Amino acid sequence: MDEKISRVDPKLLDLLVCPLSKGRLSYDRERNELVSKSGKLAYPIRDGVPIMLISEARSIDG
C-alpha cells in the first residue's frame, strides 16, 4: 500500500520539537518522517499529519 507523500511546511518545522528530547526536527522526504537526531527517533507523517507520539516513533541509530 502506497502512502501519500506530502511536503512539510517549513514554518511547522520551526514550531515542532521532539517530545522526548525537546530538540529540533528535520524532514526526511525519502521516508516521509520527521527526524530527531538528539532523541534518536523518527516520527511518521500520515496523510500529511506528523504523528508526534513517542510510541509511534521509529528508533534510529546515531
Protein backbone atom coordinates (compact mmCIF):
# COMPACT_ATOMS: atom_id res chain seq x y z
CA MET A 1 0.00 0.00 0.00
CA ASP A 2 1.44 3.36 -1.06
CA GLU A 3 1.34 6.13 1.50
CA LYS A 4 0.67 9.61 0.29
CA ILE A 5 3.89 11.60 0.22
CA SER A 6 3.42 15.13 1.46
CA ARG A 7 5.53 18.19 1.99
CA VAL A 8 6.14 19.67 5.37
CA ASP A 9 5.66 23.39 5.83
CA PRO A 10 8.99 24.89 6.98
CA LYS A 11 7.05 27.04 9.48
CA LEU A 12 5.75 23.84 11.06
CA LEU A 13 9.31 22.56 11.48
CA ASP A 14 10.18 25.76 13.33
CA LEU A 15 7.35 25.13 15.80
CA LEU A 16 7.56 21.38 16.37
CA VAL A 17 10.15 19.77 18.64
CA CYS A 18 10.82 16.19 19.63
CA PRO A 19 8.56 15.29 22.57
CA LEU A 20 11.37 13.24 24.13
CA SER A 21 14.43 15.48 23.77
CA LYS A 22 12.77 18.83 23.00
CA GLY A 23 15.30 19.07 20.17
CA ARG A 24 14.84 20.30 16.62
CA LEU A 25 13.39 18.11 13.90
CA SER A 26 14.44 17.68 10.30
CA TYR A 27 12.30 16.42 7.44
CA ASP A 28 13.31 13.20 5.69
CA ARG A 29 11.49 13.43 2.36
CA GLU A 30 12.51 9.93 1.26
CA ARG A 31 10.92 8.25 4.30
CA ASN A 32 8.26 10.93 4.87
CA GLU A 33 9.06 11.41 8.53
CA LEU A 34 10.38 13.98 10.98
CA VAL A 35 13.75 13.06 12.46
CA SER A 36 15.07 13.99 15.89
CA LYS A 37 18.82 13.40 15.90
CA SER A 38 19.07 14.29 19.58
CA GLY A 39 16.23 11.93 20.53
CA LYS A 40 17.31 9.28 18.01
CA LEU A 41 13.70 8.92 16.86
CA ALA A 42 11.84 9.38 13.59
CA TYR A 43 8.18 10.39 13.69
CA PRO A 44 5.96 9.28 10.80
CA ILE A 45 3.81 11.61 8.73
CA ARG A 46 0.47 10.09 7.82
CA ASP A 47 -1.93 11.79 5.44
CA GLY A 48 0.07 15.00 5.87
CA VAL A 49 -0.14 14.91 9.69
CA PRO A 50 3.01 14.44 11.78
CA ILE A 51 2.40 11.75 14.42
CA MET A 52 4.33 13.17 17.37
CA LEU A 53 3.87 10.26 19.75
CA ILE A 54 6.96 8.55 21.14
CA SER A 55 5.12 5.23 20.97
CA GLU A 56 4.64 5.71 17.20
CA ALA A 57 8.23 6.81 16.51
CA ARG A 58 10.85 4.65 14.87
CA SER A 59 14.16 4.30 16.69
CA ILE A 60 17.18 5.38 14.65
CA ASP A 61 20.86 4.64 15.15
CA GLY A 62 23.19 7.58 15.74
